[in-house]
Protein backbone atom coordinates (compact mmCIF):
# COMPACT_ATOMS: atom_id res chain seq x y z
CA MET A 1 -8.97 -6.03 29.91
CA LEU A 2 -7.53 -2.56 29.26
CA THR A 3 -4.05 -3.85 30.05
CA LEU A 4 -4.45 -6.64 27.51
CA PHE A 5 -5.70 -4.17 24.88
CA CYS A 6 -2.75 -1.85 25.48
CA ALA A 7 -0.28 -4.74 25.39
CA VAL A 8 -1.66 -6.06 22.10
CA THR A 9 -1.76 -2.59 20.59
CA ALA A 10 1.83 -1.95 21.63
CA MET A 11 2.93 -5.26 20.05
CA ALA A 12 1.31 -4.59 16.68
CA ALA A 13 3.81 -4.05 13.89
CA ASP A 14 3.86 -0.54 12.43
CA VAL A 15 4.17 -1.87 8.87
CA ILE A 16 3.05 -5.31 7.74
CA THR A 17 4.00 -6.93 4.42
CA LEU A 18 1.40 -9.33 3.06
CA PRO A 19 2.70 -11.71 0.39
CA ALA A 20 0.57 -12.01 -2.73
CA LYS A 21 1.23 -13.73 -6.05
CA ASN A 22 0.59 -10.55 -8.03
CA GLY A 23 2.87 -8.45 -5.82
CA ASN A 24 3.26 -7.99 -2.09
CA VAL A 25 1.03 -5.54 -0.24
CA THR A 26 2.67 -3.26 2.31
CA PHE A 27 0.13 -2.28 4.95
CA ASP A 28 0.90 0.67 7.22
CA HIS A 29 -0.87 -0.54 10.37
CA LYS A 30 0.22 2.46 12.45
CA LYS A 31 -1.19 4.92 9.89
CA HIS A 32 -4.54 3.10 9.82
CA GLN A 33 -4.57 2.80 13.61
CA ASP A 34 -4.01 6.56 13.98
CA ALA A 35 -6.61 7.46 11.33
CA LEU A 36 -9.40 5.08 12.35
CA LYS A 37 -8.92 5.23 16.14
CA ASP A 38 -11.26 2.22 16.55
CA CYS A 39 -9.67 -1.22 16.22
CA LYS A 40 -13.12 -2.80 15.75
CA VAL A 41 -13.38 -1.25 12.30
CA CYS A 42 -11.11 -4.10 11.12
CA HIS A 43 -10.77 -6.34 14.18
CA GLU A 44 -14.41 -7.20 14.83
CA LYS A 45 -13.82 -9.23 18.01
CA GLU A 46 -10.60 -7.87 19.51
CA PRO A 47 -7.15 -6.64 18.47
CA GLY A 48 -4.94 -9.36 17.02
CA LYS A 49 -5.12 -11.49 13.92
CA ILE A 50 -8.22 -10.86 11.84
CA GLU A 51 -10.41 -13.95 11.73
CA GLY A 52 -11.08 -14.98 8.13
CA PHE A 53 -8.44 -12.63 6.70
CA ASP A 54 -7.64 -13.58 3.14
CA LYS A 55 -7.61 -12.03 -0.33
CA ASP A 56 -11.41 -11.81 -0.52
CA TRP A 57 -11.67 -10.22 2.95
CA ALA A 58 -8.99 -7.67 2.09
CA HIS A 59 -10.52 -6.77 -1.25
CA LYS A 60 -13.98 -6.37 0.29
CA SER A 61 -12.98 -4.65 3.53
CA CYS A 62 -9.83 -2.68 2.69
CA LYS A 63 -10.62 -1.72 -0.87
CA GLY A 64 -14.27 -1.20 0.07
CA CYS A 65 -13.35 1.16 2.92
CA HIS A 66 -10.99 3.12 0.68
CA ALA A 67 -13.70 3.47 -1.98
CA GLU A 68 -16.36 4.43 0.58
CA LYS A 69 -14.15 7.08 2.20
CA ASN A 70 -12.70 8.14 -1.17
CA ILE A 71 -9.19 7.91 0.26
CA GLY A 72 -6.41 5.41 -0.24
CA PRO A 73 -5.63 2.96 -3.02
CA THR A 74 -8.39 1.10 -4.88
CA LYS A 75 -6.56 -0.17 -7.98
CA CYS A 76 -4.51 -3.37 -8.07
CA GLY A 77 -1.12 -1.77 -8.75
CA GLU A 78 -1.62 0.80 -6.00
CA CYS A 79 -1.47 -1.93 -3.32
CA HIS A 80 0.31 -4.82 -5.05
CA LYS A 81 3.97 -4.04 -5.73
CA LYS A 82 6.28 -6.42 -7.60
């Protein structure tokens, strides 16, 4: 199990670009991984694709986390870049 976790973690892209109609969102996965230290904060079941990930999930989880921790972008133009 640990080997699988390490392999998946090693394969994760450092920066992910998520296409969106109001401007793409560039997500620094490595930065979040280093800051949060616990993959289950975002990946509830296991590392890999997030089940149910869509605009609503991102706005609730990502924006919500940023607001709760008072760090990171919370306004549309701070994430969505045209």
